[in-house]
Amino acid sequence: MGRPAATVLTEGFAKSAELRSKILGMPSHPKVFVDHPLASKTVEQVQDMAERFVDEIARALTLMPEAA
């Protein structure tokens, strides 16, 4: 069955991520989209964001994705 995996990226890359996962034959690969942009955020802002998204990331890592 492999190891759980999920991609965490900013909303600005949503279209690219969806297209890339389809091209790679993994359209149901779990993805979690966080606020964009990330690079200009302070460490504290990133920590706050991580706390807001931790449940969604955990869900993405524990739910079985749909078959391709």
PDB file of N, CA and C in Angstrom:
ATOM      1  N   MET A   1       0.824  -1.191   0.000  1.00  0.00           N
ATOM      2  CA  MET A   1       0.000   0.000   0.000  1.00  0.00           C
ATOM      3  C   MET A   1       0.864   1.248   0.000  1.00  0.00           C
ATOM      4  N   GLY A   2       2.079   1.179   0.461  1.00  0.00           N
ATOM      5  CA  GLY A   2       2.953   2.340   0.406  1.00  0.00           C
ATOM      6  C   GLY A   2       2.862   3.210   1.642  1.00  0.00           C
ATOM      7  N   ARG A   3       3.436   4.374   1.535  1.00  0.00           N
ATOM      8  CA  ARG A   3       3.459   5.320   2.645  1.00  0.00           C
ATOM      9  C   ARG A   3       2.480   6.447   2.376  1.00  0.00           C
ATOM     10  N   PRO A   4       1.836   6.932   3.416  1.00  0.00           N
ATOM     11  CA  PRO A   4       0.920   8.057   3.233  1.00  0.00           C
ATOM     12  C   PRO A   4       1.682   9.270   2.710  1.00  0.00           C
ATOM     13  N   ALA A   5       1.061   9.985   1.811  1.00  0.00           N
ATOM     14  CA  ALA A   5       1.668  11.202   1.274  1.00  0.00           C
ATOM     15  C   ALA A   5       0.576  12.195   0.931  1.00  0.00           C
ATOM     16  N   ALA A   6       0.880  13.441   1.123  1.00  0.00           N
ATOM     17  CA  ALA A   6      -0.005  14.530   0.731  1.00  0.00           C
ATOM     18  C   ALA A   6       0.885  15.705   0.358  1.00  0.00           C
ATOM     19  N   THR A   7       0.412  16.491  -0.560  1.00  0.00           N
ATOM     20  CA  THR A   7       1.156  17.670  -0.979  1.00  0.00           C
ATOM     21  C   THR A   7       0.529  18.889  -0.320  1.00  0.00           C
ATOM     22  N   VAL A   8       1.353  19.714   0.307  1.00  0.00           N
ATOM     23  CA  VAL A   8       0.893  20.960   0.921  1.00  0.00           C
ATOM     24  C   VAL A   8       1.510  22.092   0.115  1.00  0.00           C
ATOM     25  N   LEU A   9       0.658  22.938  -0.444  1.00  0.00           N
ATOM     26  CA  LEU A   9       1.141  24.036  -1.260  1.00  0.00           C
ATOM     27  C   LEU A   9       0.174  25.195  -1.178  1.00  0.00           C
ATOM     28  N   THR A  10       0.593  26.348  -1.675  1.00  0.00           N
ATOM     29  CA  THR A  10      -0.278  27.517  -1.582  1.00  0.00           C
ATOM     30  C   THR A  10      -1.313  27.509  -2.697  1.00  0.00           C
ATOM     31  N   GLU A  11      -2.399  28.249  -2.437  1.00  0.00           N
ATOM     32  CA  GLU A  11      -3.509  28.333  -3.385  1.00  0.00           C
ATOM     33  C   GLU A  11      -3.059  28.812  -4.765  1.00  0.00           C
ATOM     34  N   GLY A  12      -1.984  29.575  -4.805  1.00  0.00           N
ATOM     35  CA  GLY A  12      -1.483  30.087  -6.071  1.00  0.00           C
ATOM     36  C   GLY A  12      -1.022  28.998  -7.027  1.00  0.00           C
ATOM     37  N   PHE A  13      -0.800  27.798  -6.510  1.00  0.00           N
ATOM     38  CA  PHE A  13      -0.334  26.688  -7.335  1.00  0.00           C
ATOM     39  C   PHE A  13      -1.401  25.614  -7.532  1.00  0.00           C
ATOM     40  N   ALA A  14      -2.642  25.922  -7.211  1.00  0.00           N
ATOM     41  CA  ALA A  14      -3.721  24.930  -7.278  1.00  0.00           C
ATOM     42  C   ALA A  14      -3.893  24.349  -8.679  1.00  0.00           C
ATOM     43  N   LYS A  15      -4.009  25.195  -9.686  1.00  0.00           N
ATOM     44  CA  LYS A  15      -4.210  24.693 -11.057  1.00  0.00           C
ATOM     45  C   LYS A  15      -3.044  23.817 -11.499  1.00  0.00           C
ATOM     46  N   SER A  16      -1.834  24.279 -11.237  1.00  0.00           N
ATOM     47  CA  SER A  16      -0.648  23.509 -11.622  1.00  0.00           C
ATOM     48  C   SER A  16      -0.611  22.164 -10.910  1.00  0.00           C
ATOM     49  N   ALA A  17      -0.946  22.150  -9.634  1.00  0.00           N
ATOM     50  CA  ALA A  17      -0.913  20.905  -8.861  1.00  0.00           C
ATOM     51  C   ALA A  17      -1.944  19.913  -9.373  1.00  0.00           C
ATOM     52  N   GLU A  18      -3.145  20.384  -9.659  1.00  0.00           N
ATOM     53  CA  GLU A  18      -4.192  19.496 -10.167  1.00  0.00           C
ATOM     54  C   GLU A  18      -3.785  18.914 -11.519  1.00  0.00           C
ATOM     55  N   LEU A  19      -3.280  19.758 -12.402  1.00  0.00           N
ATOM     56  CA  LEU A  19      -2.858  19.299 -13.725  1.00  0.00           C
ATOM     57  C   LEU A  19      -1.706  18.304 -13.613  1.00  0.00           C
ATOM     58  N   ARG A  20      -0.739  18.624 -12.789  1.00  0.00           N
ATOM     59  CA  ARG A  20       0.438  17.752 -12.634  1.00  0.00           C
ATOM     60  C   ARG A  20       0.047  16.377 -12.086  1.00  0.00           C
ATOM     61  N   SER A  21      -0.840  16.347 -11.113  1.00  0.00           N
ATOM     62  CA  SER A  21      -1.233  15.048 -10.558  1.00  0.00           C
ATOM     63  C   SER A  21      -2.001  14.223 -11.583  1.00  0.00           C
ATOM     64  N   LYS A  22      -2.780  14.885 -12.443  1.00  0.00           N
ATOM     65  CA  LYS A  22      -3.475  14.155 -13.518  1.00  0.00           C
ATOM     66  C   LYS A  22      -2.473  13.602 -14.525  1.00  0.00           C
ATOM     67  N   ILE A  23      -1.513  14.425 -14.917  1.00  0.00           N
ATOM     68  CA  ILE A  23      -0.500  14.000 -15.885  1.00  0.00           C
ATOM     69  C   ILE A  23       0.294  12.809 -15.348  1.00  0.00           C
ATOM     70  N   LEU A  24       0.562  12.803 -14.057  1.00  0.00           N
ATOM     71  CA  LEU A  24       1.331  11.720 -13.440  1.00  0.00           C
ATOM     72  C   LEU A  24       0.471  10.500 -13.113  1.00  0.00           C
ATOM     73  N   GLY A  25      -0.809  10.563 -13.470  1.00  0.00           N
ATOM     74  CA  GLY A  25      -1.699   9.428 -13.241  1.00  0.00           C
ATOM     75  C   GLY A  25      -2.188   9.295 -11.810  1.00  0.00           C
ATOM     76  N   MET A  26      -2.127  10.388 -11.055  1.00  0.00           N
ATOM     77  CA  MET A  26      -2.566  10.371  -9.656  1.00  0.00           C
ATOM     78  C   MET A  26      -3.562  11.501  -9.391  1.00  0.00           C
ATOM     79  N   PRO A  27      -4.689  11.521 -10.115  1.00  0.00           N
ATOM     80  CA  PRO A  27      -5.608  12.654  -9.969  1.00  0.00           C
ATOM     81  C   PRO A  27      -6.194  12.805  -8.570  1.00  0.00           C
ATOM     82  N   SER A  28      -6.244  11.724  -7.804  1.00  0.00           N
ATOM     83  CA  SER A  28      -6.824  11.814  -6.462  1.00  0.00           C
ATOM     84  C   SER A  28      -5.766  11.951  -5.362  1.00  0.00           C
ATOM     85  N   HIS A  29      -4.516  12.215  -5.761  1.00  0.00           N
ATOM     86  CA  HIS A  29      -3.463  12.421  -4.760  1.00  0.00           C
ATOM     87  C   HIS A  29      -3.890  13.558  -3.834  1.00  0.00           C
ATOM     88  N   PRO A  30      -3.834  13.355  -2.522  1.00  0.00           N
ATOM     89  CA  PRO A  30      -4.285  14.385  -1.584  1.00  0.00           C
ATOM     90  C   PRO A  30      -3.437  15.650  -1.661  1.00  0.00           C
ATOM     91  N   LYS A  31      -4.147  16.774  -1.699  1.00  0.00           N
ATOM     92  CA  LYS A  31      -3.491  18.073  -1.727  1.00  0.00           C
ATOM     93  C   LYS A  31      -4.169  18.971  -0.700  1.00  0.00           C
ATOM     94  N   VAL A  32      -3.375  19.746   0.010  1.00  0.00           N
ATOM     95  CA  VAL A  32      -3.900  20.728   0.951  1.00  0.00           C
ATOM     96  C   VAL A  32      -3.378  22.083   0.504  1.00  0.00           C
ATOM     97  N   PHE A  33      -4.299  22.988   0.233  1.00  0.00           N
ATOM     98  CA  PHE A  33      -3.926  24.313  -0.248  1.00  0.00           C
ATOM     99  C   PHE A  33      -4.002  25.313   0.901  1.00  0.00           C
ATOM    100  N   VAL A  34      -2.884  25.966   1.170  1.00  0.00           N
ATOM    101  CA  VAL A  34      -2.803  26.960   2.236  1.00  0.00           C
ATOM    102  C   VAL A  34      -2.772  28.351   1.621  1.00  0.00           C
ATOM    103  N   ASP A  35      -2.828  29.365   2.483  1.00  0.00           N
ATOM    104  CA  ASP A  35      -2.886  30.754   2.023  1.00  0.00           C
ATOM    105  C   ASP A  35      -1.667  31.130   1.179  1.00  0.00           C
ATOM    106  N   HIS A  36      -1.915  31.969   0.193  1.00  0.00           N
ATOM    107  CA  HIS A  36      -0.873  32.456  -0.710  1.00  0.00           C
ATOM    108  C   HIS A  36      -0.765  33.965  -0.521  1.00  0.00           C
ATOM    109  N   PRO A  37       0.407  34.530  -0.542  1.00  0.00           N
ATOM    110  CA  PRO A  37       1.731  33.931  -0.675  1.00  0.00           C
ATOM    111  C   PRO A  37       2.264  33.485   0.683  1.00  0.00           C
ATOM    112  N   LEU A  38       3.228  32.618   0.644  1.00  0.00           N
ATOM    113  CA  LEU A  38       3.837  32.094   1.867  1.00  0.00           C
ATOM    114  C   LEU A  38       5.178  32.775   2.162  1.00  0.00           C
ATOM    115  N   ALA A  39       5.915  33.087   1.125  1.00  0.00           N
ATOM    116  CA  ALA A  39       7.284  33.594   1.289  1.00  0.00           C
ATOM    117  C   ALA A  39       7.361  34.905   2.074  1.00  0.00           C
ATOM    118  N   SER A  40       6.325  35.725   1.991  1.00  0.00           N
ATOM    119  CA  SER A  40       6.376  37.026   2.658  1.00  0.00           C
ATOM    120  C   SER A  40       5.835  36.991   4.088  1.00  0.00           C
ATOM    121  N   LYS A  41       5.427  35.826   4.557  1.00  0.00           N
ATOM    122  CA  LYS A  41       4.872  35.719   5.909  1.00  0.00           C
ATOM    123  C   LYS A  41       5.991  35.595   6.949  1.00  0.00           C
ATOM    124  N   THR A  42       5.695  36.078   8.139  1.00  0.00           N
ATOM    125  CA  THR A  42       6.647  35.939   9.242  1.00  0.00           C
ATOM    126  C   THR A  42       6.588  34.505   9.771  1.00  0.00           C
ATOM    127  N   VAL A  43       7.559  34.147  10.568  1.00  0.00           N
ATOM    128  CA  VAL A  43       7.572  32.814  11.181  1.00  0.00           C
ATOM    129  C   VAL A  43       6.299  32.612  11.998  1.00  0.00           C
ATOM    130  N   GLU A  44       5.892  33.630  12.733  1.00  0.00           N
ATOM    131  CA  GLU A  44       4.687  33.528  13.558  1.00  0.00           C
ATOM    132  C   GLU A  44       3.449  33.306  12.697  1.00  0.00           C
ATOM    133  N   GLN A  45       3.350  33.998  11.569  1.00  0.00           N
ATOM    134  CA  GLN A  45       2.212  33.820  10.666  1.00  0.00           C
ATOM    135  C   GLN A  45       2.180  32.406  10.086  1.00  0.00           C
ATOM    136  N   VAL A  46       3.343  31.887   9.744  1.00  0.00           N
ATOM    137  CA  VAL A  46       3.413  30.520   9.207  1.00  0.00           C
ATOM    138  C   VAL A  46       3.026  29.513  10.292  1.00  0.00           C
ATOM    139  N   GLN A  47       3.464  29.739  11.514  1.00  0.00           N
ATOM    140  CA  GLN A  47       3.088  28.848  12.615  1.00  0.00           C
ATOM    141  C   GLN A  47       1.577  28.881  12.850  1.00  0.00           C
ATOM    142  N   ASP A  48       0.983  30.064  12.808  1.00  0.00           N
ATOM    143  CA  ASP A  48      -0.474  30.188  12.954  1.00  0.00           C
ATOM    144  C   ASP A  48      -1.190  29.448  11.835  1.00  0.00           C
ATOM    145  N   MET A  49      -0.686  29.600  10.617  1.00  0.00           N
ATOM    146  CA  MET A  49      -1.291  28.927   9.471  1.00  0.00           C
ATOM    147  C   MET A  49      -1.178  27.411   9.628  1.00  0.00           C
ATOM    148  N   ALA A  50      -0.038  26.941  10.083  1.00  0.00           N
ATOM    149  CA  ALA A  50       0.147  25.499  10.284  1.00  0.00           C
ATOM    150  C   ALA A  50      -0.874  24.971  11.287  1.00  0.00           C
ATOM    151  N   GLU A  51      -1.118  25.715  12.336  1.00  0.00           N
ATOM    152  CA  GLU A  51      -2.113  25.299  13.327  1.00  0.00           C
ATOM    153  C   GLU A  51      -3.516  25.252  12.720  1.00  0.00           C
ATOM    154  N   ARG A  52      -3.823  26.190  11.830  1.00  0.00           N
ATOM    155  CA  ARG A  52      -5.148  26.205  11.190  1.00  0.00           C
ATOM    156  C   ARG A  52      -5.337  25.034  10.241  1.00  0.00           C
ATOM    157  N   PHE A  53      -4.270  24.574   9.621  1.00  0.00           N
ATOM    158  CA  PHE A  53      -4.377  23.536   8.598  1.00  0.00           C
ATOM    159  C   PHE A  53      -3.981  22.141   9.073  1.00  0.00           C
ATOM    160  N   VAL A  54      -3.542  21.995  10.314  1.00  0.00           N
ATOM    161  CA  VAL A  54      -3.028  20.703  10.775  1.00  0.00           C
ATOM    162  C   VAL A  54      -4.076  19.592  10.677  1.00  0.00           C
ATOM    163  N   ASP A  55      -5.326  19.877  10.993  1.00  0.00           N
ATOM    164  CA  ASP A  55      -6.363  18.841  10.902  1.00  0.00           C
ATOM    165  C   ASP A  55      -6.594  18.407   9.461  1.00  0.00           C
ATOM    166  N   GLU A  56      -6.603  19.372   8.556  1.00  0.00           N
ATOM    167  CA  GLU A  56      -6.794  19.047   7.138  1.00  0.00           C
ATOM    168  C   GLU A  56      -5.619  18.222   6.602  1.00  0.00           C
ATOM    169  N   ILE A  57      -4.418  18.553   7.022  1.00  0.00           N
ATOM    170  CA  ILE A  57      -3.235  17.796   6.595  1.00  0.00           C
ATOM    171  C   ILE A  57      -3.288  16.378   7.158  1.00  0.00           C
ATOM    172  N   ALA A  58      -3.648  16.249   8.424  1.00  0.00           N
ATOM    173  CA  ALA A  58      -3.766  14.916   9.034  1.00  0.00           C
ATOM    174  C   ALA A  58      -4.820  14.085   8.311  1.00  0.00           C
ATOM    175  N   ARG A  59      -5.942  14.702   7.963  1.00  0.00           N
ATOM    176  CA  ARG A  59      -6.999  14.007   7.220  1.00  0.00           C
ATOM    177  C   ARG A  59      -6.483  13.542   5.863  1.00  0.00           C
ATOM    178  N   ALA A  60      -5.738  14.407   5.184  1.00  0.00           N
ATOM    179  CA  ALA A  60      -5.200  14.059   3.865  1.00  0.00           C
ATOM    180  C   ALA A  60      -4.234  12.880   3.950  1.00  0.00           C
ATOM    181  N   LEU A  61      -3.560  12.742   5.079  1.00  0.00           N
ATOM    182  CA  LEU A  61      -2.596  11.654   5.255  1.00  0.00           C
ATOM    183  C   LEU A  61      -3.231  10.348   5.727  1.00  0.00           C
ATOM    184  N   THR A  62      -4.450  10.417   6.235  1.00  0.00           N
ATOM    185  CA  THR A  62      -5.059   9.218   6.804  1.00  0.00           C
ATOM    186  C   THR A  62      -6.230   8.663   6.014  1.00  0.00           C
ATOM    187  N   LEU A  63      -6.800   9.436   5.113  1.00  0.00           N
ATOM    188  CA  LEU A  63      -7.911   8.935   4.308  1.00  0.00           C
ATOM    189  C   LEU A  63      -7.387   8.281   3.042  1.00  0.00           C
ATOM    190  N   MET A  64      -8.009   7.203   2.647  1.00  0.00           N
ATOM    191  CA  MET A  64      -7.627   6.509   1.422  1.00  0.00           C
ATOM    192  C   MET A  64      -8.149   7.306   0.222  1.00  0.00           C
ATOM    193  N   PRO A  65      -7.267   7.730  -0.692  1.00  0.00           N
ATOM    194  CA  PRO A  65      -7.739   8.457  -1.874  1.00  0.00           C
ATOM    195  C   PRO A  65      -8.555   7.539  -2.780  1.00  0.00           C
ATOM    196  N   GLU A  66      -9.424   8.152  -3.565  1.00  0.00           N
ATOM    197  CA  GLU A  66     -10.220   7.386  -4.525  1.00  0.00           C
ATOM    198  C   GLU A  66      -9.301   6.780  -5.574  1.00  0.00           C
ATOM    199  N   ALA A  67      -9.711   5.672  -6.136  1.00  0.00           N
ATOM    200  CA  ALA A  67      -8.928   5.031  -7.199  1.00  0.00           C
ATOM    201  C   ALA A  67      -8.885   5.930  -8.420  1.00  0.00           C
ATOM    202  N   ALA A  68      -7.762   5.917  -9.116  1.00  0.00           N
ATOM    203  CA  ALA A  68      -7.593   6.755 -10.309  1.00  0.00           C
ATOM    204  C   ALA A  68      -8.431   6.241 -11.452  1.00  0.00           C
TER     205      ALA A  68
END
